[in-house]
Amino acid sequence: MATTNTTCEHHHHDAPKQSKYEEALNKYNLDIDDAAVKEAVRTLIAEKVHENDTPEVKRFLMGSIELTTLKTTDSDTSILAFTERVNEFDNKYPDLPHVATICVYPCFASIVSQSLEVDGVEIACVSGSFPSSQALLEVKVAETALAIKDGATEIDIVMPVGKFLSGDYEGVSDEINELKQVCGEHAMKVILETGDLGTAANIKKASILAMYAGADYIKTSTGKEKISATPEAAYVMCQAIKEYYDETGIQIGFKPAGGINTVMDAVIYYTIVKEVLGEKWLTNKWFRLGTSRLANLLLSEIVGEETKFF
């Protein structure tokens, strides 16, 4: 649906009323220059990252990890072993924070739910025809409801990117909202797939639509596309979260995911959250890192020797 400019001259019978989502978008500055974002991020990294490259921050990041396995080769056996590692970690490293979440496909929710022994670790499932989000809404609803029934405490869905890029903001928002109704009080993360959105303005627009439609977190990427999380996308998303919070008083979480391959990558995302959103977001409730590789790298730096625990 094309955006309608209600200020232009119109005839009463052919000017569609703006949707509530278009009205919401109008409250935010969407005139963002990609080069300016790049420069702001470059400056922020150059000036601020070094002060966060500390053992304390690394321990915090360990506790913000969503330990993820989303492989074609995942099986009941491999997921059970994966969950057991989280249980064992709590015994072997009692002075370190446990990971925030285990993230799996919905068909494995019951295995994780039945075998996870560590209090405070959430069970997240990707749902809604992850990673493409190309499925009938009824299928997405059923998959999400079944994941929750089987023990998922959080749900990660993918924004329908095709609808967004073709301007169907109402369709995008209605679908997100419908899936949030299914989730109820369970936290729902909306993956924007920022690498497919093309511009900073689109990333900001998608962030705002997702939040207005019911996202509890916004997340950068599935990790299945060519471009995953980038500091620039994170910066724009965090700006959107801050403006949304200032406008509505509702705090939304942030989750970079995909392509977080080094400890320094994680420290950069931490720095962006700290500088743009502030201390209020620096808890493992509001800031999560979706990764499969990072846990061992962080652990190695924390304990001071190469460790392949997970």
Protein backbone atom coordinates (compact mmCIF):
# COMPACT_ATOMS: atom_id res chain seq x y z
CA MET A 1 0.00 0.00 0.00
CA ALA A 2 1.52 3.31 -1.05
CA THR A 3 1.96 6.02 1.57
CA THR A 4 -0.61 8.74 1.09
CA ASN A 5 0.31 12.33 1.71
CA THR A 6 -2.82 13.73 3.31
CA THR A 7 -1.63 17.33 2.92
CA CYS A 8 -1.93 17.31 -0.86
CA GLU A 9 -5.10 18.36 -2.58
CA HIS A 10 -7.47 15.44 -2.71
CA HIS A 11 -11.01 14.50 -3.61
CA HIS A 12 -12.94 12.96 -0.78
CA HIS A 13 -13.74 9.77 -2.65
CA ASP A 14 -10.24 8.75 -3.79
CA ALA A 15 -7.91 9.60 -0.87
CA PRO A 16 -7.46 6.53 1.27
CA LYS A 17 -7.14 7.37 4.94
CA GLN A 18 -3.67 6.82 6.34
CA SER A 19 -3.34 3.59 8.28
CA LYS A 20 -2.46 3.86 11.95
CA TYR A 21 0.97 2.46 11.05
CA GLU A 22 1.63 5.18 8.48
CA GLU A 23 0.52 7.72 11.07
CA ALA A 24 3.00 6.18 13.49
CA LEU A 25 5.83 6.42 10.95
CA ASN A 26 5.10 10.11 10.47
CA LYS A 27 6.13 10.79 14.08
CA TYR A 28 9.74 9.77 13.39
CA ASN A 29 12.58 11.19 11.35
CA LEU A 30 13.06 8.77 8.47
CA ASP A 31 15.28 11.09 6.46
CA ILE A 32 18.49 9.27 7.32
CA ASP A 33 21.66 9.48 5.28
CA ASP A 34 23.56 6.18 4.97
CA ALA A 35 26.93 7.93 4.75
CA ALA A 36 26.20 9.89 7.94
CA VAL A 37 25.29 6.68 9.77
CA LYS A 38 28.53 5.05 8.59
CA GLU A 39 30.56 8.01 9.79
CA ALA A 40 28.77 8.16 13.18
CA VAL A 41 29.45 4.45 13.73
CA ARG A 42 33.09 4.79 12.66
CA THR A 43 33.60 7.63 15.17
CA LEU A 44 31.79 5.78 17.95
CA ILE A 45 33.91 2.65 17.42
CA ALA A 46 37.16 4.65 17.27
CA GLU A 47 36.42 6.67 20.40
CA LYS A 48 34.44 4.36 22.70
CA VAL A 49 35.05 0.66 22.04
CA HIS A 50 38.43 0.45 23.82
CA GLU A 51 36.90 1.41 27.18
CA ASN A 52 34.50 -1.58 26.95
CA ASP A 53 37.16 -4.13 26.02
CA THR A 54 37.32 -5.37 29.62
CA PRO A 55 36.91 -8.66 31.52
CA GLU A 56 33.74 -7.31 33.19
CA VAL A 57 32.08 -6.54 29.86
CA LYS A 58 33.07 -9.96 28.50
CA ARG A 59 31.48 -11.67 31.51
CA PHE A 60 28.34 -9.61 30.92
CA LEU A 61 28.31 -10.58 27.23
CA MET A 62 28.59 -14.27 28.18
CA GLY A 63 25.34 -13.87 30.09
CA SER A 64 23.63 -12.15 27.14
CA ILE A 65 24.27 -14.92 24.62
CA GLU A 66 21.39 -16.72 22.95
CA LEU A 67 23.19 -19.99 22.27
CA THR A 68 21.84 -20.94 18.88
CA THR A 69 21.74 -24.00 16.68
CA LEU A 70 19.65 -23.75 13.51
CA LYS A 71 21.22 -26.34 11.26
CA THR A 72 19.67 -28.65 8.69
CA THR A 73 21.56 -31.44 10.45
CA ASP A 74 20.13 -30.77 13.95
CA SER A 75 18.55 -33.88 15.49
CA ASP A 76 16.99 -34.95 18.77
CA THR A 77 20.37 -36.38 19.78
CA SER A 78 22.39 -33.28 18.89
CA ILE A 79 19.91 -30.92 20.59
CA LEU A 80 19.94 -33.03 23.75
CA ALA A 81 23.75 -32.88 23.81
CA PHE A 82 23.60 -29.12 23.13
CA THR A 83 21.26 -28.60 26.10
CA GLU A 84 23.39 -30.83 28.34
CA ARG A 85 26.38 -28.55 27.67
CA VAL A 86 24.42 -25.64 29.11
CA ASN A 87 23.56 -27.75 32.16
CA GLU A 88 27.22 -28.78 32.57
CA PHE A 89 28.47 -25.21 32.13
CA ASP A 90 26.56 -24.17 35.23
CA ASN A 91 28.37 -26.85 37.24
CA LYS A 92 31.83 -26.34 35.75
CA TYR A 93 31.85 -22.52 35.82
CA PRO A 94 29.60 -21.61 38.78
CA ASP A 95 31.14 -18.13 39.06
CA LEU A 96 30.35 -17.21 35.43
CA PRO A 97 26.92 -16.11 34.21
CA HIS A 98 25.05 -18.80 32.27
CA VAL A 99 23.85 -18.02 28.75
CA ALA A 100 20.58 -16.10 28.51
CA THR A 101 18.80 -18.40 26.10
CA ILE A 102 18.96 -21.57 24.04
CA CYS A 103 17.58 -20.94 20.54
CA VAL A 104 16.37 -23.86 18.37
CA TYR A 105 13.78 -24.84 15.78
CA PRO A 106 10.23 -25.43 17.15
CA CYS A 107 10.40 -29.21 16.64
CA PHE A 108 13.07 -29.33 19.37
CA ALA A 109 11.31 -27.16 21.98
CA SER A 110 10.07 -30.14 23.98
CA ILE A 111 13.54 -31.75 24.16
CA VAL A 112 15.13 -28.55 25.44
CA SER A 113 12.23 -27.93 27.81
CA GLN A 114 12.45 -31.44 29.29
CA SER A 115 16.24 -31.57 29.62
CA LEU A 116 17.23 -28.00 30.56
CA GLU A 117 18.10 -27.85 34.27
CA VAL A 118 19.44 -24.31 34.67
CA ASP A 119 17.08 -21.75 36.17
CA GLY A 120 16.83 -18.50 34.27
CA VAL A 121 17.80 -19.80 30.81
CA GLU A 122 15.04 -19.01 28.34
CA ILE A 123 13.99 -21.34 25.51
CA ALA A 124 13.61 -19.45 22.25
CA CYS A 125 12.22 -20.93 19.05
CA VAL A 126 12.45 -19.42 15.60
CA SER A 127 8.97 -19.58 14.14
CA GLY A 128 6.73 -18.33 11.37
CA SER A 129 8.50 -20.17 8.57
CA PHE A 130 12.03 -19.09 9.51
CA PRO A 131 14.17 -17.87 7.75
CA SER A 132 12.16 -16.74 4.72
CA SER A 133 8.85 -15.94 6.45
CA GLN A 134 7.20 -17.14 3.24
CA ALA A 135 4.22 -19.17 4.39
CA LEU A 136 0.50 -18.84 4.90
CA LEU A 137 -0.32 -16.92 8.05
CA GLU A 138 -2.32 -19.91 9.38
CA VAL A 139 0.84 -22.04 9.17
CA LYS A 140 2.87 -19.40 11.05
CA VAL A 141 0.19 -19.15 13.73
CA ALA A 142 0.08 -22.93 14.18
CA GLU A 143 3.87 -23.26 14.31
CA THR A 144 4.13 -20.50 16.92
CA ALA A 145 1.34 -21.92 19.09
CA LEU A 146 2.88 -25.41 18.96
CA ALA A 147 6.33 -24.09 19.91
CA ILE A 148 4.86 -22.40 22.98
CA LYS A 149 2.84 -25.50 23.89
CA ASP A 150 6.05 -27.54 23.75
CA GLY A 151 7.90 -25.22 26.13
CA ALA A 152 9.24 -22.23 24.20
CA THR A 153 9.36 -19.18 26.46
CA GLU A 154 10.36 -16.79 23.65
CA ILE A 155 9.58 -16.69 19.93
CA ASP A 156 11.73 -15.23 17.13
CA ILE A 157 9.81 -14.45 13.93
CA VAL A 158 10.94 -12.88 10.67
CA MET A 159 9.24 -9.75 9.39
CA PRO A 160 7.67 -10.47 5.98
CA VAL A 161 10.42 -8.66 4.10
CA GLY A 162 8.81 -8.96 0.66
CA LYS A 163 5.65 -7.26 1.91
CA PHE A 164 7.73 -4.50 3.51
CA LEU A 165 9.78 -3.84 0.38
CA SER A 166 6.63 -3.65 -1.74
CA GLY A 167 5.18 -1.01 0.60
CA ASP A 168 2.49 -3.14 2.26
CA TYR A 169 3.15 -1.74 5.73
CA GLU A 170 -0.32 -2.62 6.93
CA GLY A 171 0.13 -6.25 5.86
CA VAL A 172 3.52 -6.39 7.61
CA SER A 173 2.16 -4.89 10.82
CA ASP A 174 -1.04 -6.95 10.90
CA GLU A 175 0.93 -10.17 10.54
CA ILE A 176 3.39 -9.26 13.32
CA ASN A 177 0.47 -8.25 15.52
CA GLU A 178 -1.38 -11.50 14.90
CA LEU A 179 1.67 -13.54 15.88
CA LYS A 180 2.13 -11.41 19.01
CA GLN A 181 -1.46 -12.31 19.96
CA VAL A 182 -0.46 -15.98 19.73
CA CYS A 183 2.64 -15.36 21.88
CA GLY A 184 0.64 -13.58 24.57
CA GLU A 185 2.93 -12.81 27.50
CA HIS A 186 5.84 -14.71 25.94
CA ALA A 187 8.47 -12.36 24.53
CA MET A 188 8.43 -12.06 20.73
CA LYS A 189 11.48 -10.96 18.76
CA VAL A 190 11.02 -9.65 15.23
CA ILE A 191 13.92 -10.24 12.84
CA LEU A 192 14.11 -7.39 10.31
CA GLU A 193 16.66 -9.08 8.02
CA THR A 194 18.49 -5.76 7.76
CA GLY A 195 20.88 -7.01 5.06
CA ASP A 196 17.92 -7.22 2.67
CA LEU A 197 16.46 -3.79 3.50
CA GLY A 198 19.02 -1.77 1.56
CA THR A 199 19.03 1.58 3.38
CA ALA A 200 19.24 3.02 6.87
CA ALA A 201 15.85 4.68 6.29
CA ASN A 202 14.27 1.29 5.56
CA ILE A 203 15.88 -0.24 8.64
CA LYS A 204 14.46 2.53 10.81
CA LYS A 205 11.03 2.25 9.20
CA ALA A 206 10.97 -1.52 9.70
CA SER A 207 12.08 -1.11 13.33
CA ILE A 208 9.25 1.31 14.09
CA LEU A 209 6.60 -0.80 12.34
CA ALA A 210 7.73 -3.92 14.21
CA MET A 211 7.63 -2.15 17.58
CA TYR A 212 4.21 -0.61 16.98
CA ALA A 213 2.89 -4.00 15.85
CA GLY A 214 3.91 -5.75 19.07
CA ALA A 215 7.60 -6.73 18.98
CA ASP A 216 9.17 -7.10 22.42
CA TYR A 217 12.62 -7.16 20.80
CA ILE A 218 13.91 -6.24 17.39
CA LYS A 219 16.64 -8.43 15.94
CA THR A 220 18.94 -7.75 13.01
CA SER A 221 19.17 -10.96 11.03
CA THR A 222 18.47 -14.65 10.57
CA GLY A 223 22.12 -15.39 9.81
CA LYS A 224 20.93 -17.18 6.67
CA GLU A 225 21.31 -14.30 4.17
CA LYS A 226 24.48 -12.92 2.55
CA ILE A 227 24.56 -9.86 4.84
CA SER A 228 23.90 -10.42 8.53
CA ALA A 229 24.25 -8.03 11.49
CA THR A 230 26.30 -4.87 10.91
CA PRO A 231 27.21 -2.09 13.36
CA GLU A 232 25.42 0.41 11.08
CA ALA A 233 22.15 -1.55 11.19
CA ALA A 234 22.50 -1.91 14.97
CA TYR A 235 23.05 1.83 15.35
CA VAL A 236 19.91 2.70 13.38
CA MET A 237 17.81 0.09 15.22
CA CYS A 238 19.00 1.35 18.61
CA GLN A 239 18.15 4.92 17.59
CA ALA A 240 14.66 3.73 16.64
CA ILE A 241 14.27 1.92 20.00
CA LYS A 242 15.32 5.08 21.86
CA GLU A 243 12.93 7.32 19.92
CA TYR A 244 10.10 4.80 20.38
CA TYR A 245 10.82 4.67 24.12
CA ASP A 246 10.84 8.48 24.32
CA GLU A 247 7.54 8.60 22.41
CA THR A 248 5.66 5.76 24.15
CA GLY A 249 7.50 4.91 27.39
CA ILE A 250 7.71 1.28 26.21
CA GLN A 251 11.14 -0.35 26.46
CA ILE A 252 12.02 -2.72 23.60
CA GLY A 253 14.96 -5.13 23.63
CA PHE A 254 17.69 -5.38 20.99
CA LYS A 255 19.30 -8.51 19.55
CA PRO A 256 22.06 -8.44 16.95
CA ALA A 257 22.44 -11.90 15.40
CA GLY A 258 24.26 -13.52 12.51
CA GLY A 259 27.88 -12.86 11.66
CA ILE A 260 28.99 -12.11 15.24
CA ASN A 261 32.21 -14.02 14.83
CA THR A 262 34.70 -12.39 17.20
CA VAL A 263 34.74 -11.09 20.76
CA MET A 264 35.47 -7.62 19.35
CA ASP A 265 32.29 -7.80 17.23
CA ALA A 266 30.33 -8.38 20.45
CA VAL A 267 32.12 -5.54 22.26
CA ILE A 268 31.24 -3.21 19.36
CA TYR A 269 27.52 -4.08 19.67
CA TYR A 270 27.72 -3.60 23.44
CA THR A 271 29.28 -0.17 22.85
CA ILE A 272 26.54 0.87 20.42
CA VAL A 273 23.82 -0.15 22.90
CA LYS A 274 25.59 1.65 25.76
CA GLU A 275 26.11 4.87 23.79
CA VAL A 276 22.76 5.06 21.99
CA LEU A 277 20.40 3.48 24.54
CA GLY A 278 22.27 3.80 27.82
CA GLU A 279 22.70 1.73 30.98
CA LYS A 280 19.03 0.81 31.21
CA TRP A 281 19.51 -1.57 28.27
CA LEU A 282 22.69 -3.18 29.59
CA THR A 283 21.05 -6.20 31.17
CA ASN A 284 20.60 -9.64 29.67
CA LYS A 285 16.88 -9.00 29.55
CA TRP A 286 17.13 -6.08 27.11
CA PHE A 287 20.33 -6.90 25.23
CA ARG A 288 20.91 -10.31 23.65
CA LEU A 289 23.48 -11.67 21.21
CA GLY A 290 22.38 -14.40 18.81
CA THR A 291 25.37 -16.58 18.04
CA SER A 292 26.67 -20.11 17.79
CA ARG A 293 30.41 -19.32 17.69
CA LEU A 294 30.86 -16.57 20.23
CA ALA A 295 30.34 -18.53 23.46
CA ASN A 296 33.60 -20.49 23.14
CA LEU A 297 35.55 -17.40 22.07
CA LEU A 298 34.30 -15.36 25.02
CA LEU A 299 34.88 -18.21 27.43
CA SER A 300 38.45 -18.61 26.12
CA GLU A 301 39.18 -14.93 26.75
CA ILE A 302 37.57 -14.99 30.21
CA VAL A 303 39.45 -18.09 31.43
CA GLY A 304 42.68 -17.15 29.63
CA GLU A 305 43.12 -20.25 27.46
CA GLU A 306 41.51 -21.68 24.35
CA THR A 307 38.37 -23.50 25.47
CA LYS A 308 35.92 -25.36 23.26
CA PHE A 309 33.21 -26.07 25.80
CA PHE A 310 30.07 -25.60 23.70
